[in-house]
Structures are given as structure tokens and as C-alpha cells.
Amino acid sequence: MRVFAICAAAALAMACAPEGGSLAAGCDVRAAHSWAAGDQALSIEASAQGPGCDRAVATLIIRDSSGAPLYAETHFAGEVMVLAGAADRAAMQTALGEWSDPAAAAMQTTAALPDWPAGADAPASGEFPFYPDEGVDRASYLSLREQNAPLFCYVQGMESLRCVALLDGSIASVGLQLFPG
């Protein structure tokens, strides 16, 4: 049964390869970082795959210490600011490393999220607006800030960060922060 699964995976890889080529000639790059998220050791993995790095699809996965996935998100690499200019494997390797590095994040915990003043429609963050996810009201947002939970924010487009937090052993999306592109 295992041999069949390996052969099926190899056949699928050849079927998805560019005409007359192989995936080895394309862009198949990975990077990984450890994330000391409070008292938990998580990993953040990033990969890019495609016939060329300029046409790759990038995936970000956060896993718990057993390797079980807690969060996954996929993007067209050309639509993610830090990945868009990576034209070859070496450049994509560097870009994926930057994209998935929790140590590089400006906000390490939910306590660093911008304040949401009473009477305001959303958190106040000056020229970098933060938009909580749908269904997150002011009370739950302020409670999240008080929890001081581990936070990972990564570039998810050309002008925004997606922020996710580790809450009770699982990853929850918190919201988006815009930045000038």
C-alpha cells in the first residue's frame, strides 16, 4: 500500500509539472522557524511551489509540538509583498524565511495590539489602521489584549498584515493591520 501511495504521489507530481519539464526545474522551496509561543513550542513553516518562483503558490502553516497543523493559509506568491519579487529559488528561500519568522514581528503578544478607545468604531492605530475580524467586538478585543497571548502577524498581501493569536492551544485570527505599500 505504501509503494502505491509513493507511486501515486510521483505520478501526480509529473502530471502537475510544466510541459516538457519537472517540478525540480521550477520553484519548490521551504523555510521553517521555531515559535516560542508562551509556554508552547510551535513551528511556522512556509513553502512556495510552482513552475517558476514568479508563478508560485505560497503556503504558511503553524504546527503544534507534535506536528499537528493549527493554522494554514495559502496565497499567490506574487500578491504577497515580501514574496512578490523573488524570481529564483535563492531569492524565494530568503523571502520565505523573512515571511515566516516570528522574531521579526513588531507585535509579539496581543497586549501590543492597538487600543480600542470607548466610543470608537475600531482600534486606534494612527496611520496604520487595525481592523478586527468580523464578529470581534470591543469587549472581546480588549479582553484579548489583556490576555497577553502569543501573537504572530505576517504579510498577507501587498499592504496588510494578518494577525493570529495562540489561544487555549489553538490559533485564532484576530484581524488585519494595513500599512502603506
C-alpha atoms as a PDB file:
ATOM      1  CA  MET A   1       0.000   0.000   0.000  1.00  0.00           C
ATOM      2  CA  ARG A   2       2.848   2.378   0.849  1.00  0.00           C
ATOM      3  CA  VAL A   3       4.506   1.743  -2.541  1.00  0.00           C
ATOM      4  CA  PHE A   4       1.218   2.594  -4.276  1.00  0.00           C
ATOM      5  CA  ALA A   5       0.963   5.880  -2.347  1.00  0.00           C
ATOM      6  CA  ILE A   6       4.533   6.813  -3.267  1.00  0.00           C
ATOM      7  CA  CYS A   7       3.921   5.959  -6.934  1.00  0.00           C
ATOM      8  CA  ALA A   8       0.648   7.922  -6.936  1.00  0.00           C
ATOM      9  CA  ALA A   9       2.424  10.961  -5.467  1.00  0.00           C
ATOM     10  CA  ALA A  10       5.174  10.698  -8.081  1.00  0.00           C
ATOM     11  CA  ALA A  11       2.606  10.409 -10.889  1.00  0.00           C
ATOM     12  CA  LEU A  12       0.731  13.459  -9.564  1.00  0.00           C
ATOM     13  CA  ALA A  13       3.961  15.467  -9.402  1.00  0.00           C
ATOM     14  CA  MET A  14       4.724  14.601 -13.039  1.00  0.00           C
ATOM     15  CA  ALA A  15       1.155  15.466 -14.080  1.00  0.00           C
ATOM     16  CA  CYS A  16       1.489  18.877 -12.436  1.00  0.00           C
ATOM     17  CA  ALA A  17       4.933  19.567 -13.866  1.00  0.00           C
ATOM     18  CA  PRO A  18       5.323  22.116 -16.639  1.00  0.00           C
ATOM     19  CA  GLU A  19       5.108  20.621 -20.129  1.00  0.00           C
ATOM     20  CA  GLY A  20       8.408  19.029 -21.055  1.00  0.00           C
ATOM     21  CA  GLY A  21       9.862  19.699 -17.596  1.00  0.00           C
ATOM     22  CA  SER A  22       9.747  18.671 -13.990  1.00  0.00           C
ATOM     23  CA  LEU A  23       8.971  20.338 -10.711  1.00  0.00           C
ATOM     24  CA  ALA A  24      12.710  20.212  -9.966  1.00  0.00           C
ATOM     25  CA  ALA A  25      13.171  22.826 -12.680  1.00  0.00           C
ATOM     26  CA  GLY A  26      10.564  25.072 -11.075  1.00  0.00           C
ATOM     27  CA  CYS A  27      10.201  26.629  -7.673  1.00  0.00           C
ATOM     28  CA  ASP A  28       9.875  24.224  -4.742  1.00  0.00           C
ATOM     29  CA  VAL A  29      11.283  25.997  -1.687  1.00  0.00           C
ATOM     30  CA  ARG A  30      10.686  25.687   2.052  1.00  0.00           C
ATOM     31  CA  ALA A  31      11.611  27.569   5.223  1.00  0.00           C
ATOM     32  CA  ALA A  32      10.780  26.920   8.867  1.00  0.00           C
ATOM     33  CA  HIS A  33      11.135  28.657  12.208  1.00  0.00           C
ATOM     34  CA  SER A  34      10.504  27.688  15.807  1.00  0.00           C
ATOM     35  CA  TRP A  35       7.995  29.867  17.625  1.00  0.00           C
ATOM     36  CA  ALA A  36       8.267  30.008  21.410  1.00  0.00           C
ATOM     37  CA  ALA A  37       4.607  30.906  21.871  1.00  0.00           C
ATOM     38  CA  GLY A  38       4.271  31.425  25.591  1.00  0.00           C
ATOM     39  CA  ASP A  39       4.950  28.043  27.170  1.00  0.00           C
ATOM     40  CA  GLN A  40       4.393  26.171  23.897  1.00  0.00           C
ATOM     41  CA  ALA A  41       6.923  25.315  21.211  1.00  0.00           C
ATOM     42  CA  LEU A  42       5.285  25.723  17.817  1.00  0.00           C
ATOM     43  CA  SER A  43       6.722  25.754  14.322  1.00  0.00           C
ATOM     44  CA  ILE A  44       5.957  28.070  11.447  1.00  0.00           C
ATOM     45  CA  GLU A  45       6.577  26.583   8.021  1.00  0.00           C
ATOM     46  CA  ALA A  46       6.491  28.409   4.716  1.00  0.00           C
ATOM     47  CA  SER A  47       6.668  26.884   1.270  1.00  0.00           C
ATOM     48  CA  ALA A  48       6.417  28.032  -2.316  1.00  0.00           C
ATOM     49  CA  GLN A  49       5.690  25.780  -5.250  1.00  0.00           C
ATOM     50  CA  GLY A  50       5.178  26.444  -8.921  1.00  0.00           C
ATOM     51  CA  PRO A  51       6.649  26.110 -12.394  1.00  0.00           C
ATOM     52  CA  GLY A  52       8.720  29.198 -11.554  1.00  0.00           C
ATOM     53  CA  CYS A  53       9.037  31.359  -8.458  1.00  0.00           C
ATOM     54  CA  ASP A  54       7.271  34.169 -10.302  1.00  0.00           C
ATOM     55  CA  ARG A  55       4.231  31.860 -10.617  1.00  0.00           C
ATOM     56  CA  ALA A  56       4.406  30.092  -7.258  1.00  0.00           C
ATOM     57  CA  VAL A  57       1.743  29.490  -4.665  1.00  0.00           C
ATOM     58  CA  ALA A  58       2.929  30.127  -1.103  1.00  0.00           C
ATOM     59  CA  THR A  59       1.614  28.368   1.988  1.00  0.00           C
ATOM     60  CA  LEU A  60       2.120  29.254   5.636  1.00  0.00           C
ATOM     61  CA  ILE A  61       1.465  26.551   8.258  1.00  0.00           C
ATOM     62  CA  ILE A  62       1.627  26.796  12.048  1.00  0.00           C
ATOM     63  CA  ARG A  63       2.051  23.434  13.796  1.00  0.00           C
ATOM     64  CA  ASP A  64       1.999  22.361  17.420  1.00  0.00           C
ATOM     65  CA  SER A  65       4.894  20.470  19.029  1.00  0.00           C
ATOM     66  CA  SER A  66       3.504  17.115  17.823  1.00  0.00           C
ATOM     67  CA  GLY A  67       3.433  18.362  14.225  1.00  0.00           C
ATOM     68  CA  ALA A  68      -0.352  18.719  14.042  1.00  0.00           C
ATOM     69  CA  PRO A  69      -1.403  21.719  11.948  1.00  0.00           C
ATOM     70  CA  LEU A  70      -3.126  24.517  13.871  1.00  0.00           C
ATOM     71  CA  TYR A  71      -3.384  27.071  11.052  1.00  0.00           C
ATOM     72  CA  ALA A  72      -2.761  27.174   7.303  1.00  0.00           C
ATOM     73  CA  GLU A  73      -3.130  29.909   4.710  1.00  0.00           C
ATOM     74  CA  THR A  74      -2.297  29.873   1.003  1.00  0.00           C
ATOM     75  CA  HIS A  75      -1.581  32.873  -1.240  1.00  0.00           C
ATOM     76  CA  PHE A  76      -0.362  33.596  -4.728  1.00  0.00           C
ATOM     77  CA  ALA A  77       3.274  34.489  -4.013  1.00  0.00           C
ATOM     78  CA  GLY A  78       3.154  37.394  -6.467  1.00  0.00           C
ATOM     79  CA  GLU A  79       0.401  39.006  -4.374  1.00  0.00           C
ATOM     80  CA  VAL A  80       2.377  38.971  -1.095  1.00  0.00           C
ATOM     81  CA  MET A  81       4.719  41.950  -0.797  1.00  0.00           C
ATOM     82  CA  VAL A  82       7.696  40.087   0.729  1.00  0.00           C
ATOM     83  CA  LEU A  83       7.448  37.230  -1.786  1.00  0.00           C
ATOM     84  CA  ALA A  84       6.482  39.079  -4.964  1.00  0.00           C
ATOM     85  CA  GLY A  85       9.991  39.988  -6.120  1.00  0.00           C
ATOM     86  CA  ALA A  86      11.509  36.533  -5.601  1.00  0.00           C
ATOM     87  CA  ALA A  87      12.465  35.492  -9.128  1.00  0.00           C
ATOM     88  CA  ASP A  88      14.526  32.388  -8.323  1.00  0.00           C
ATOM     89  CA  ARG A  89      14.895  29.716  -5.633  1.00  0.00           C
ATOM     90  CA  ALA A  90      17.579  31.557  -3.664  1.00  0.00           C
ATOM     91  CA  ALA A  91      15.537  34.760  -3.531  1.00  0.00           C
ATOM     92  CA  MET A  92      12.400  32.804  -2.621  1.00  0.00           C
ATOM     93  CA  GLN A  93      14.283  30.957   0.147  1.00  0.00           C
ATOM     94  CA  THR A  94      15.299  34.296   1.682  1.00  0.00           C
ATOM     95  CA  ALA A  95      11.799  35.739   1.247  1.00  0.00           C
ATOM     96  CA  LEU A  96      10.094  32.701   2.819  1.00  0.00           C
ATOM     97  CA  GLY A  97      12.488  32.897   5.749  1.00  0.00           C
ATOM     98  CA  GLU A  98      11.556  36.537   6.356  1.00  0.00           C
ATOM     99  CA  TRP A  99       7.837  35.871   5.833  1.00  0.00           C
ATOM    100  CA  SER A 100       7.675  33.104   8.432  1.00  0.00           C
ATOM    101  CA  ASP A 101       9.994  34.497  11.125  1.00  0.00           C
ATOM    102  CA  PRO A 102       8.069  35.175  14.352  1.00  0.00           C
ATOM    103  CA  ALA A 103      11.070  37.002  15.847  1.00  0.00           C
ATOM    104  CA  ALA A 104      10.815  39.702  13.171  1.00  0.00           C
ATOM    105  CA  ALA A 105       7.261  40.666  14.110  1.00  0.00           C
ATOM    106  CA  ALA A 106       6.707  44.103  15.656  1.00  0.00           C
ATOM    107  CA  MET A 107       3.892  42.783  17.865  1.00  0.00           C
ATOM    108  CA  GLN A 108       4.838  39.661  19.847  1.00  0.00           C
ATOM    109  CA  THR A 109       1.732  39.417  22.053  1.00  0.00           C
ATOM    110  CA  THR A 110      -1.880  40.526  21.937  1.00  0.00           C
ATOM    111  CA  ALA A 111      -1.026  43.191  24.538  1.00  0.00           C
ATOM    112  CA  ALA A 112       0.800  45.034  21.728  1.00  0.00           C
ATOM    113  CA  LEU A 113      -2.365  45.348  19.616  1.00  0.00           C
ATOM    114  CA  PRO A 114      -3.555  48.956  19.306  1.00  0.00           C
ATOM    115  CA  ASP A 115      -6.016  50.234  21.900  1.00  0.00           C
ATOM    116  CA  TRP A 116      -9.721  50.451  21.056  1.00  0.00           C
ATOM    117  CA  PRO A 117     -10.955  53.612  22.796  1.00  0.00           C
ATOM    118  CA  ALA A 118     -14.507  53.806  24.132  1.00  0.00           C
ATOM    119  CA  GLY A 119     -16.890  55.182  21.529  1.00  0.00           C
ATOM    120  CA  ALA A 120     -14.538  54.455  18.595  1.00  0.00           C
ATOM    121  CA  ASP A 121     -15.614  52.250  15.682  1.00  0.00           C
ATOM    122  CA  ALA A 122     -12.306  50.365  15.648  1.00  0.00           C
ATOM    123  CA  PRO A 123      -8.905  50.277  17.336  1.00  0.00           C
ATOM    124  CA  ALA A 124      -6.883  53.491  17.084  1.00  0.00           C
ATOM    125  CA  SER A 125      -3.535  52.968  15.416  1.00  0.00           C
ATOM    126  CA  GLY A 126      -2.714  56.208  13.641  1.00  0.00           C
ATOM    127  CA  GLU A 127      -1.687  55.849  10.026  1.00  0.00           C
ATOM    128  CA  PHE A 128      -1.657  52.026  10.269  1.00  0.00           C
ATOM    129  CA  PRO A 129      -5.324  51.091  10.837  1.00  0.00           C
ATOM    130  CA  PHE A 130      -6.131  47.775  12.510  1.00  0.00           C
ATOM    131  CA  TYR A 131      -9.360  46.009  11.556  1.00  0.00           C
ATOM    132  CA  PRO A 132     -10.514  43.239  13.910  1.00  0.00           C
ATOM    133  CA  ASP A 133     -12.056  40.196  12.245  1.00  0.00           C
ATOM    134  CA  GLU A 134     -15.795  40.124  11.756  1.00  0.00           C
ATOM    135  CA  GLY A 135     -17.570  39.273  14.985  1.00  0.00           C
ATOM    136  CA  VAL A 136     -14.826  40.695  17.219  1.00  0.00           C
ATOM    137  CA  ASP A 137     -16.437  43.446  19.287  1.00  0.00           C
ATOM    138  CA  ARG A 138     -14.676  45.963  21.522  1.00  0.00           C
ATOM    139  CA  ALA A 139     -15.155  43.927  24.722  1.00  0.00           C
ATOM    140  CA  SER A 140     -13.706  40.705  23.261  1.00  0.00           C
ATOM    141  CA  TYR A 141     -10.866  42.647  21.619  1.00  0.00           C
ATOM    142  CA  LEU A 142      -9.904  44.364  24.887  1.00  0.00           C
ATOM    143  CA  SER A 143     -10.104  41.010  26.688  1.00  0.00           C
ATOM    144  CA  LEU A 144      -7.754  39.562  24.079  1.00  0.00           C
ATOM    145  CA  ARG A 145      -5.289  42.407  24.703  1.00  0.00           C
ATOM    146  CA  GLU A 146      -5.424  41.729  28.462  1.00  0.00           C
ATOM    147  CA  GLN A 147      -4.636  38.030  27.908  1.00  0.00           C
ATOM    148  CA  ASN A 148      -1.193  38.967  26.561  1.00  0.00           C
ATOM    149  CA  ALA A 149      -1.386  35.866  24.329  1.00  0.00           C
ATOM    150  CA  PRO A 150       1.349  34.984  21.811  1.00  0.00           C
ATOM    151  CA  LEU A 151       0.731  36.817  18.526  1.00  0.00           C
ATOM    152  CA  PHE A 152       2.103  36.230  15.025  1.00  0.00           C
ATOM    153  CA  CYS A 153       1.489  38.831  12.313  1.00  0.00           C
ATOM    154  CA  TYR A 154       2.621  38.113   8.750  1.00  0.00           C
ATOM    155  CA  VAL A 155       2.350  39.957   5.463  1.00  0.00           C
ATOM    156  CA  GLN A 156      -0.705  38.586   3.673  1.00  0.00           C
ATOM    157  CA  GLY A 157      -0.969  40.967   0.747  1.00  0.00           C
ATOM    158  CA  MET A 158       0.706  43.993  -0.737  1.00  0.00           C
ATOM    159  CA  GLU A 159      -0.371  46.392   2.042  1.00  0.00           C
ATOM    160  CA  SER A 160      -1.529  44.372   5.048  1.00  0.00           C
ATOM    161  CA  LEU A 161      -0.615  42.018   7.859  1.00  0.00           C
ATOM    162  CA  ARG A 162      -2.784  39.152   9.112  1.00  0.00           C
ATOM    163  CA  CYS A 163      -2.501  38.703  12.895  1.00  0.00           C
ATOM    164  CA  VAL A 164      -3.214  35.367  14.566  1.00  0.00           C
ATOM    165  CA  ALA A 165      -3.005  34.527  18.267  1.00  0.00           C
ATOM    166  CA  LEU A 166      -2.411  31.345  20.212  1.00  0.00           C
ATOM    167  CA  LEU A 167      -5.459  30.952  22.472  1.00  0.00           C
ATOM    168  CA  ASP A 168      -6.126  27.834  24.540  1.00  0.00           C
ATOM    169  CA  GLY A 169      -3.890  25.670  22.343  1.00  0.00           C
ATOM    170  CA  SER A 170      -5.342  26.759  19.015  1.00  0.00           C
ATOM    171  CA  ILE A 171      -4.719  29.574  16.560  1.00  0.00           C
ATOM    172  CA  ALA A 172      -7.384  32.261  16.150  1.00  0.00           C
ATOM    173  CA  SER A 173      -7.339  35.025  13.575  1.00  0.00           C
ATOM    174  CA  VAL A 174      -7.508  38.446  15.236  1.00  0.00           C
ATOM    175  CA  GLY A 175      -7.588  40.866  12.315  1.00  0.00           C
ATOM    176  CA  LEU A 176      -5.690  42.881   9.709  1.00  0.00           C
ATOM    177  CA  GLN A 177      -3.353  45.793  10.021  1.00  0.00           C
ATOM    178  CA  LEU A 178      -2.854  47.958   6.964  1.00  0.00           C
ATOM    179  CA  PHE A 179       0.441  49.620   6.099  1.00  0.00           C
ATOM    180  CA  PRO A 180       1.409  51.884   3.217  1.00  0.00           C
ATOM    181  CA  GLY A 181       2.515  49.785   0.236  1.00  0.00           C
END
